[in-house]
């Protein structure tokens, strides 16, 4: 892909370097995960960040990290960009800047057949073992708040178990050590459809819809170039083409990319 007008907005130091360091977790299919070789990052975020970098006349240098280490790494200046399905939340915006590119939310993943009849009604989780990923908004904000509401309603709290990698949470679910997983809604459907019936997405509306954003160090001069690149890639069809490739529903598109 030839560099576009967005390339004119790239900060001089990044132009000189010729690349951007993009940090991603490796267990969040279809957004980012390891290929069959166990080393190469693939997924929507990887392809989209490659397209963005190319439109800026740069190369994306992908760095594998645990999810909970990416935002601290950005704040410390280790990376130029973080792409790992980050929900844009007020707490995170205090530490890093965001450029939105998709719409997501939270879903509940349960064993195949949903034997406990759980749903996205938060009160259905009271007293149950719910897994999540360390550093995720589900683990930091949503599950503790739901548990507090359970106790206030005279019900048992949610038994939350957080894991460094989402794959470990799925192993806990299939191994009977968790009753459900609360995770991002877009990848939950992708993984469930490929689990051969081991698990499924519980019924109910997406919990707390929110925008997903690329995370940047606070005050990064790269933000205007990223916004321009995303607008171009949305207009020329690249964004939707990559969404189709990775089975991401059109409902994840933002209302506008201008």
C-alpha atoms as a PDB file:
ATOM      1  CA  UNK A   1       0.000   0.000   0.000  1.00  0.00           C
ATOM      2  CA  UNK A   2       1.400   3.376  -1.015  1.00  0.00           C
ATOM      3  CA  UNK A   3       1.612   6.073   1.682  1.00  0.00           C
ATOM      4  CA  UNK A   4      -1.357   8.442   1.685  1.00  0.00           C
ATOM      5  CA  UNK A   5      -1.960  11.984   2.848  1.00  0.00           C
ATOM      6  CA  UNK A   6      -1.918  10.776   6.450  1.00  0.00           C
ATOM      7  CA  UNK A   7       1.831  10.212   6.032  1.00  0.00           C
ATOM      8  CA  UNK A   8       2.316  13.976   6.022  1.00  0.00           C
ATOM      9  CA  UNK A   9       1.145  14.030   9.660  1.00  0.00           C
ATOM     10  CA  UNK A  10       3.695  11.498  10.943  1.00  0.00           C
ATOM     11  CA  UNK A  11       6.044  13.008  13.558  1.00  0.00           C
ATOM     12  CA  UNK A  12       9.584  13.589  12.291  1.00  0.00           C
ATOM     13  CA  UNK A  13      11.209  11.182  14.758  1.00  0.00           C
ATOM     14  CA  UNK A  14       8.996   8.315  13.588  1.00  0.00           C
ATOM     15  CA  UNK A  15       9.595   9.188   9.942  1.00  0.00           C
ATOM     16  CA  UNK A  16      13.311   8.964  10.630  1.00  0.00           C
ATOM     17  CA  UNK A  17      12.908   5.627  12.411  1.00  0.00           C
ATOM     18  CA  UNK A  18      10.690   4.298   9.630  1.00  0.00           C
ATOM     19  CA  UNK A  19       8.622   2.095  11.919  1.00  0.00           C
ATOM     20  CA  UNK A  20       6.193   2.048  14.831  1.00  0.00           C
ATOM     21  CA  UNK A  21       6.410  -0.423  17.716  1.00  0.00           C
ATOM     22  CA  UNK A  22       2.959  -1.987  18.142  1.00  0.00           C
ATOM     23  CA  UNK A  23       2.327  -3.981  21.327  1.00  0.00           C
ATOM     24  CA  UNK A  24      -0.384  -6.662  21.403  1.00  0.00           C
ATOM     25  CA  UNK A  25      -1.360  -9.586  23.581  1.00  0.00           C
ATOM     26  CA  UNK A  26      -1.329 -13.028  21.973  1.00  0.00           C
ATOM     27  CA  UNK A  27      -4.484 -14.756  23.226  1.00  0.00           C
ATOM     28  CA  UNK A  28      -7.350 -12.646  21.919  1.00  0.00           C
ATOM     29  CA  UNK A  29      -8.507 -14.283  18.676  1.00  0.00           C
ATOM     30  CA  UNK A  30      -9.565 -12.977  16.206  1.00  0.00           C
ATOM     31  CA  UNK A  31      -8.030  -9.640  17.237  1.00  0.00           C
ATOM     32  CA  UNK A  32      -4.505 -10.929  17.925  1.00  0.00           C
ATOM     33  CA  UNK A  33      -3.206 -14.435  18.543  1.00  0.00           C
ATOM     34  CA  UNK A  34      -0.299 -16.711  17.663  1.00  0.00           C
ATOM     35  CA  UNK A  35      -0.175 -18.573  14.360  1.00  0.00           C
ATOM     36  CA  UNK A  36       0.439 -22.324  14.171  1.00  0.00           C
ATOM     37  CA  UNK A  37       4.200 -21.755  14.529  1.00  0.00           C
ATOM     38  CA  UNK A  38       3.624 -20.473  18.080  1.00  0.00           C
ATOM     39  CA  UNK A  39       5.607 -17.283  17.393  1.00  0.00           C
ATOM     40  CA  UNK A  40       3.958 -15.157  14.697  1.00  0.00           C
ATOM     41  CA  UNK A  41       1.208 -12.736  15.722  1.00  0.00           C
ATOM     42  CA  UNK A  42      -1.828 -12.783  13.440  1.00  0.00           C
ATOM     43  CA  UNK A  43      -5.361 -11.392  13.623  1.00  0.00           C
ATOM     44  CA  UNK A  44      -7.446  -8.358  12.793  1.00  0.00           C
ATOM     45  CA  UNK A  45      -5.436  -5.890  14.891  1.00  0.00           C
ATOM     46  CA  UNK A  46      -2.222  -7.148  13.350  1.00  0.00           C
ATOM     47  CA  UNK A  47      -3.501  -6.782   9.778  1.00  0.00           C
ATOM     48  CA  UNK A  48      -5.123  -3.429  10.469  1.00  0.00           C
ATOM     49  CA  UNK A  49      -2.053  -1.973  12.161  1.00  0.00           C
ATOM     50  CA  UNK A  50       0.030  -3.185   9.203  1.00  0.00           C
ATOM     51  CA  UNK A  51      -2.356  -1.355   6.843  1.00  0.00           C
ATOM     52  CA  UNK A  52      -2.241   1.779   8.978  1.00  0.00           C
ATOM     53  CA  UNK A  53       1.552   1.739   9.118  1.00  0.00           C
ATOM     54  CA  UNK A  54       1.763   1.281   5.334  1.00  0.00           C
ATOM     55  CA  UNK A  55      -0.574   4.216   4.745  1.00  0.00           C
ATOM     56  CA  UNK A  56       1.764   6.286   6.918  1.00  0.00           C
ATOM     57  CA  UNK A  57       4.842   5.189   4.987  1.00  0.00           C
ATOM     58  CA  UNK A  58       6.034   3.168   7.980  1.00  0.00           C
ATOM     59  CA  UNK A  59       6.438  -0.473   8.991  1.00  0.00           C
ATOM     60  CA  UNK A  60       4.666  -1.959  11.995  1.00  0.00           C
ATOM     61  CA  UNK A  61       7.073  -3.760  14.325  1.00  0.00           C
ATOM     62  CA  UNK A  62       4.904  -6.138  16.334  1.00  0.00           C
ATOM     63  CA  UNK A  63       5.765  -6.832  19.968  1.00  0.00           C
ATOM     64  CA  UNK A  64       4.068  -9.592  21.972  1.00  0.00           C
ATOM     65  CA  UNK A  65       3.110  -8.650  25.532  1.00  0.00           C
ATOM     66  CA  UNK A  66       0.694  -9.744  28.220  1.00  0.00           C
ATOM     67  CA  UNK A  67      -2.464  -7.648  28.103  1.00  0.00           C
ATOM     68  CA  UNK A  68      -1.993  -6.041  31.512  1.00  0.00           C
ATOM     69  CA  UNK A  69       1.565  -4.912  30.669  1.00  0.00           C
ATOM     70  CA  UNK A  70       0.749  -2.948  27.499  1.00  0.00           C
ATOM     71  CA  UNK A  71      -0.671   0.256  28.992  1.00  0.00           C
ATOM     72  CA  UNK A  72       2.130   0.543  31.607  1.00  0.00           C
ATOM     73  CA  UNK A  73       4.600  -0.087  28.753  1.00  0.00           C
ATOM     74  CA  UNK A  74       3.073   2.729  26.708  1.00  0.00           C
ATOM     75  CA  UNK A  75       3.197   5.069  29.692  1.00  0.00           C
ATOM     76  CA  UNK A  76       6.874   4.165  30.135  1.00  0.00           C
ATOM     77  CA  UNK A  77       7.614   4.881  26.456  1.00  0.00           C
ATOM     78  CA  UNK A  78       8.427   1.261  25.528  1.00  0.00           C
ATOM     79  CA  UNK A  79       5.952   1.194  22.613  1.00  0.00           C
ATOM     80  CA  UNK A  80       4.528   3.691  20.126  1.00  0.00           C
ATOM     81  CA  UNK A  81       1.124   2.047  19.937  1.00  0.00           C
ATOM     82  CA  UNK A  82      -0.940  -0.594  21.714  1.00  0.00           C
ATOM     83  CA  UNK A  83      -3.517  -2.631  19.785  1.00  0.00           C
ATOM     84  CA  UNK A  84      -5.149  -5.361  21.812  1.00  0.00           C
ATOM     85  CA  UNK A  85      -8.902  -4.779  21.782  1.00  0.00           C
ATOM     86  CA  UNK A  86      -8.677  -2.008  24.387  1.00  0.00           C
ATOM     87  CA  UNK A  87     -12.009  -0.663  25.626  1.00  0.00           C
ATOM     88  CA  UNK A  88     -11.809   3.109  26.005  1.00  0.00           C
ATOM     89  CA  UNK A  89     -12.559   3.837  29.657  1.00  0.00           C
ATOM     90  CA  UNK A  90     -12.125   6.982  31.800  1.00  0.00           C
ATOM     91  CA  UNK A  91      -9.624   5.174  34.021  1.00  0.00           C
ATOM     92  CA  UNK A  92      -7.445   4.188  31.069  1.00  0.00           C
ATOM     93  CA  UNK A  93      -7.717   7.660  29.533  1.00  0.00           C
ATOM     94  CA  UNK A  94      -5.989   9.034  32.610  1.00  0.00           C
ATOM     95  CA  UNK A  95      -2.889   7.051  31.677  1.00  0.00           C
ATOM     96  CA  UNK A  96      -2.879   6.854  27.850  1.00  0.00           C
ATOM     97  CA  UNK A  97      -4.575   8.470  24.846  1.00  0.00           C
ATOM     98  CA  UNK A  98      -6.855   6.571  22.477  1.00  0.00           C
ATOM     99  CA  UNK A  99      -7.855   6.674  18.826  1.00  0.00           C
ATOM    100  CA  UNK A 100     -11.145   4.739  18.387  1.00  0.00           C
ATOM    101  CA  UNK A 101     -11.634   2.296  15.520  1.00  0.00           C
ATOM    102  CA  UNK A 102     -14.332  -0.253  16.502  1.00  0.00           C
ATOM    103  CA  UNK A 103     -17.341  -0.699  18.795  1.00  0.00           C
ATOM    104  CA  UNK A 104     -17.417  -3.599  21.223  1.00  0.00           C
ATOM    105  CA  UNK A 105     -18.749  -4.572  24.633  1.00  0.00           C
ATOM    106  CA  UNK A 106     -18.722  -7.537  26.978  1.00  0.00           C
ATOM    107  CA  UNK A 107     -20.238 -10.983  26.628  1.00  0.00           C
ATOM    108  CA  UNK A 108     -20.474 -14.056  28.804  1.00  0.00           C
ATOM    109  CA  UNK A 109     -18.991 -17.332  27.580  1.00  0.00           C
ATOM    110  CA  UNK A 110     -20.393 -20.517  29.149  1.00  0.00           C
ATOM    111  CA  UNK A 111     -19.959 -24.281  28.640  1.00  0.00           C
ATOM    112  CA  UNK A 112     -21.785 -25.774  25.685  1.00  0.00           C
ATOM    113  CA  UNK A 113     -25.486 -26.125  26.414  1.00  0.00           C
ATOM    114  CA  UNK A 114     -25.262 -23.475  29.151  1.00  0.00           C
ATOM    115  CA  UNK A 115     -26.072 -25.963  31.956  1.00  0.00           C
ATOM    116  CA  UNK A 116     -26.395 -23.252  34.634  1.00  0.00           C
ATOM    117  CA  UNK A 117     -28.666 -21.131  32.401  1.00  0.00           C
ATOM    118  CA  UNK A 118     -26.513 -18.034  32.892  1.00  0.00           C
ATOM    119  CA  UNK A 119     -27.180 -14.871  30.888  1.00  0.00           C
ATOM    120  CA  UNK A 120     -25.924 -11.322  30.486  1.00  0.00           C
ATOM    121  CA  UNK A 121     -28.332 -10.315  33.258  1.00  0.00           C
ATOM    122  CA  UNK A 122     -25.657  -9.376  35.828  1.00  0.00           C
ATOM    123  CA  UNK A 123     -27.680 -10.807  38.707  1.00  0.00           C
ATOM    124  CA  UNK A 124     -27.479 -14.261  37.113  1.00  0.00           C
ATOM    125  CA  UNK A 125     -23.773 -14.269  38.005  1.00  0.00           C
ATOM    126  CA  UNK A 126     -24.254 -13.964  41.766  1.00  0.00           C
ATOM    127  CA  UNK A 127     -22.528 -16.842  43.565  1.00  0.00           C
ATOM    128  CA  UNK A 128     -20.968 -18.212  40.388  1.00  0.00           C
ATOM    129  CA  UNK A 129     -17.318 -18.633  39.419  1.00  0.00           C
ATOM    130  CA  UNK A 130     -16.570 -16.149  36.639  1.00  0.00           C
ATOM    131  CA  UNK A 131     -13.159 -15.981  34.982  1.00  0.00           C
ATOM    132  CA  UNK A 132     -11.532 -13.080  33.164  1.00  0.00           C
ATOM    133  CA  UNK A 133      -8.211 -11.685  31.989  1.00  0.00           C
ATOM    134  CA  UNK A 134      -5.916  -9.681  34.257  1.00  0.00           C
ATOM    135  CA  UNK A 135      -5.878  -6.003  33.324  1.00  0.00           C
ATOM    136  CA  UNK A 136      -9.173  -6.256  31.416  1.00  0.00           C
ATOM    137  CA  UNK A 137     -12.050  -3.878  32.068  1.00  0.00           C
ATOM    138  CA  UNK A 138     -14.165  -6.916  32.918  1.00  0.00           C
ATOM    139  CA  UNK A 139     -11.758  -7.955  35.667  1.00  0.00           C
ATOM    140  CA  UNK A 140     -10.945  -4.475  36.957  1.00  0.00           C
ATOM    141  CA  UNK A 141     -14.370  -2.811  36.792  1.00  0.00           C
ATOM    142  CA  UNK A 142     -17.336  -4.898  35.685  1.00  0.00           C
ATOM    143  CA  UNK A 143     -17.085  -8.080  37.746  1.00  0.00           C
ATOM    144  CA  UNK A 144     -16.237  -6.287  41.030  1.00  0.00           C
ATOM    145  CA  UNK A 145     -19.192  -3.909  40.478  1.00  0.00           C
ATOM    146  CA  UNK A 146     -21.564  -6.788  39.698  1.00  0.00           C
ATOM    147  CA  UNK A 147     -20.353  -8.664  42.776  1.00  0.00           C
ATOM    148  CA  UNK A 148     -21.009  -5.595  44.922  1.00  0.00           C
ATOM    149  CA  UNK A 149     -24.532  -5.345  43.514  1.00  0.00           C
ATOM    150  CA  UNK A 150     -25.090  -9.027  44.306  1.00  0.00           C
ATOM    151  CA  UNK A 151     -24.158  -8.503  47.956  1.00  0.00           C
ATOM    152  CA  UNK A 152     -26.317  -5.374  48.152  1.00  0.00           C
ATOM    153  CA  UNK A 153     -29.255  -7.451  46.900  1.00  0.00           C
ATOM    154  CA  UNK A 154     -28.668 -10.066  49.600  1.00  0.00           C
ATOM    155  CA  UNK A 155     -27.140 -12.581  47.203  1.00  0.00           C
ATOM    156  CA  UNK A 156     -23.696 -14.251  47.292  1.00  0.00           C
ATOM    157  CA  UNK A 157     -20.833 -12.377  45.588  1.00  0.00           C
ATOM    158  CA  UNK A 158     -19.344 -13.323  42.246  1.00  0.00           C
ATOM    159  CA  UNK A 159     -16.335 -15.616  42.671  1.00  0.00           C
ATOM    160  CA  UNK A 160     -13.930 -13.919  40.275  1.00  0.00           C
ATOM    161  CA  UNK A 161     -10.764 -15.611  38.996  1.00  0.00           C
ATOM    162  CA  UNK A 162      -8.423 -13.576  36.790  1.00  0.00           C
ATOM    163  CA  UNK A 163      -5.735 -15.089  34.579  1.00  0.00           C
ATOM    164  CA  UNK A 164      -2.671 -13.535  32.866  1.00  0.00           C
ATOM    165  CA  UNK A 165      -3.879 -14.905  29.517  1.00  0.00           C
ATOM    166  CA  UNK A 166      -7.414 -15.383  28.242  1.00  0.00           C
ATOM    167  CA  UNK A 167      -6.473 -18.871  27.018  1.00  0.00           C
ATOM    168  CA  UNK A 168      -5.985 -19.831  30.661  1.00  0.00           C
ATOM    169  CA  UNK A 169      -9.482 -18.603  31.493  1.00  0.00           C
ATOM    170  CA  UNK A 170     -10.868 -20.803  28.704  1.00  0.00           C
ATOM    171  CA  UNK A 171      -8.961 -23.777  30.077  1.00  0.00           C
ATOM    172  CA  UNK A 172     -10.503 -23.089  33.479  1.00  0.00           C
ATOM    173  CA  UNK A 173     -13.960 -23.075  31.881  1.00  0.00           C
ATOM    174  CA  UNK A 174     -13.526 -26.281  29.897  1.00  0.00           C
ATOM    175  CA  UNK A 175     -11.851 -27.912  32.895  1.00  0.00           C
ATOM    176  CA  UNK A 176     -14.777 -27.181  35.184  1.00  0.00           C
ATOM    177  CA  UNK A 177     -12.893 -24.679  37.357  1.00  0.00           C
ATOM    178  CA  UNK A 178     -15.074 -21.751  36.204  1.00  0.00           C
ATOM    179  CA  UNK A 179     -18.761 -21.441  35.392  1.00  0.00           C
ATOM    180  CA  UNK A 180     -18.328 -18.647  32.849  1.00  0.00           C
ATOM    181  CA  UNK A 181     -15.919 -16.118  31.363  1.00  0.00           C
ATOM    182  CA  UNK A 182     -16.669 -12.429  30.919  1.00  0.00           C
ATOM    183  CA  UNK A 183     -14.728 -11.129  27.924  1.00  0.00           C
ATOM    184  CA  UNK A 184     -14.963  -8.831  24.895  1.00  0.00           C
ATOM    185  CA  UNK A 185     -18.058  -9.528  22.810  1.00  0.00           C
ATOM    186  CA  UNK A 186     -16.445  -9.498  19.336  1.00  0.00           C
ATOM    187  CA  UNK A 187     -13.817 -12.219  19.959  1.00  0.00           C
ATOM    188  CA  UNK A 188     -16.168 -14.245  22.165  1.00  0.00           C
ATOM    189  CA  UNK A 189     -18.366 -15.180  19.220  1.00  0.00           C
ATOM    190  CA  UNK A 190     -15.353 -15.991  17.045  1.00  0.00           C
ATOM    191  CA  UNK A 191     -13.854 -18.370  19.560  1.00  0.00           C
ATOM    192  CA  UNK A 192     -17.152 -19.997  20.540  1.00  0.00           C
ATOM    193  CA  UNK A 193     -17.958 -20.769  16.904  1.00  0.00           C
ATOM    194  CA  UNK A 194     -14.635 -22.593  16.609  1.00  0.00           C
ATOM    195  CA  UNK A 195     -14.736 -24.504  19.911  1.00  0.00           C
ATOM    196  CA  UNK A 196     -16.571 -27.579  18.550  1.00  0.00           C
ATOM    197  CA  UNK A 197     -19.342 -27.039  21.059  1.00  0.00           C
ATOM    198  CA  UNK A 198     -17.089 -26.796  24.125  1.00  0.00           C
ATOM    199  CA  UNK A 199     -18.547 -23.380  24.928  1.00  0.00           C
ATOM    200  CA  UNK A 200     -21.010 -20.806  23.658  1.00  0.00           C
ATOM    201  CA  UNK A 201     -22.013 -17.181  24.195  1.00  0.00           C
ATOM    202  CA  UNK A 202     -24.747 -16.802  26.821  1.00  0.00           C
ATOM    203  CA  UNK A 203     -27.976 -15.065  25.747  1.00  0.00           C
ATOM    204  CA  UNK A 204     -28.602 -11.378  26.335  1.00  0.00           C
ATOM    205  CA  UNK A 205     -27.601  -7.964  25.071  1.00  0.00           C
ATOM    206  CA  UNK A 206     -23.964  -6.866  24.893  1.00  0.00           C
ATOM    207  CA  UNK A 207     -22.989  -5.601  28.350  1.00  0.00           C
ATOM    208  CA  UNK A 208     -21.956  -1.938  28.441  1.00  0.00           C
ATOM    209  CA  UNK A 209     -21.214  -1.222  24.735  1.00  0.00           C
ATOM    210  CA  UNK A 210     -18.073   0.857  24.365  1.00  0.00           C
ATOM    211  CA  UNK A 211     -15.583   1.984  21.746  1.00  0.00           C
ATOM    212  CA  UNK A 212     -12.385   0.044  21.166  1.00  0.00           C
ATOM    213  CA  UNK A 213      -9.278   2.143  20.631  1.00  0.00           C
ATOM    214  CA  UNK A 214      -5.618   2.131  19.764  1.00  0.00           C
ATOM    215  CA  UNK A 215      -3.696   3.162  22.856  1.00  0.00           C
ATOM    216  CA  UNK A 216      -0.922   5.758  22.669  1.00  0.00           C
ATOM    217  CA  UNK A 217       1.451   7.316  25.179  1.00  0.00           C
ATOM    218  CA  UNK A 218      -0.171  10.391  26.709  1.00  0.00           C
ATOM    219  CA  UNK A 219       0.231  13.391  24.407  1.00  0.00           C
ATOM    220  CA  UNK A 220       1.602  11.330  21.508  1.00  0.00           C
ATOM    221  CA  UNK A 221       2.016  13.391  18.338  1.00  0.00           C
ATOM    222  CA  UNK A 222       1.142  10.277  16.326  1.00  0.00           C
ATOM    223  CA  UNK A 223      -2.605  10.539  17.074  1.00  0.00           C
ATOM    224  CA  UNK A 224      -3.570  12.905  14.190  1.00  0.00           C
ATOM    225  CA  UNK A 225      -1.798  10.681  11.657  1.00  0.00           C
ATOM    226  CA  UNK A 226      -3.559   7.583  13.001  1.00  0.00           C
ATOM    227  CA  UNK A 227      -6.974   9.270  12.827  1.00  0.00           C
ATOM    228  CA  UNK A 228      -6.342  10.299   9.219  1.00  0.00           C
ATOM    229  CA  UNK A 229      -5.130   6.807   8.283  1.00  0.00           C
ATOM    230  CA  UNK A 230      -8.168   5.109   9.834  1.00  0.00           C
ATOM    231  CA  UNK A 231     -10.508   7.490   8.002  1.00  0.00           C
ATOM    232  CA  UNK A 232      -8.810   6.644   4.695  1.00  0.00           C
ATOM    233  CA  UNK A 233      -8.884   2.888   5.327  1.00  0.00           C
ATOM    234  CA  UNK A 234     -12.558   3.048   6.273  1.00  0.00           C
ATOM    235  CA  UNK A 235     -13.403   5.017   3.131  1.00  0.00           C
ATOM    236  CA  UNK A 236     -11.508   2.764   0.709  1.00  0.00           C
ATOM    237  CA  UNK A 237     -13.008  -0.469   2.086  1.00  0.00           C
ATOM    238  CA  UNK A 238      -9.859  -1.859   3.710  1.00  0.00           C
ATOM    239  CA  UNK A 239     -11.374  -1.784   7.194  1.00  0.00           C
ATOM    240  CA  UNK A 240     -14.485  -3.774   6.230  1.00  0.00           C
ATOM    241  CA  UNK A 241     -12.469  -6.204   4.120  1.00  0.00           C
ATOM    242  CA  UNK A 242     -10.289  -7.053   7.118  1.00  0.00           C
ATOM    243  CA  UNK A 243     -13.354  -7.319   9.356  1.00  0.00           C
ATOM    244  CA  UNK A 244     -14.840  -9.868   6.958  1.00  0.00           C
ATOM    245  CA  UNK A 245     -11.560 -11.787   6.877  1.00  0.00           C
ATOM    246  CA  UNK A 246     -11.604 -12.183  10.656  1.00  0.00           C
ATOM    247  CA  UNK A 247     -15.377 -12.719  11.091  1.00  0.00           C
ATOM    248  CA  UNK A 248     -15.975  -9.419  12.878  1.00  0.00           C
ATOM    249  CA  UNK A 249     -19.631  -8.299  12.540  1.00  0.00           C
ATOM    250  CA  UNK A 250     -20.514  -5.005  10.838  1.00  0.00           C
ATOM    251  CA  UNK A 251     -22.176  -3.938  14.097  1.00  0.00           C
ATOM    252  CA  UNK A 252     -18.634  -3.287  15.334  1.00  0.00           C
ATOM    253  CA  UNK A 253     -18.224  -0.367  12.903  1.00  0.00           C
ATOM    254  CA  UNK A 254     -18.296   3.128  14.362  1.00  0.00           C
ATOM    255  CA  UNK A 255     -21.049   5.498  13.218  1.00  0.00           C
ATOM    256  CA  UNK A 256     -18.437   7.733  11.593  1.00  0.00           C
ATOM    257  CA  UNK A 257     -14.711   7.700  10.817  1.00  0.00           C
ATOM    258  CA  UNK A 258     -14.402  11.373   9.870  1.00  0.00           C
END
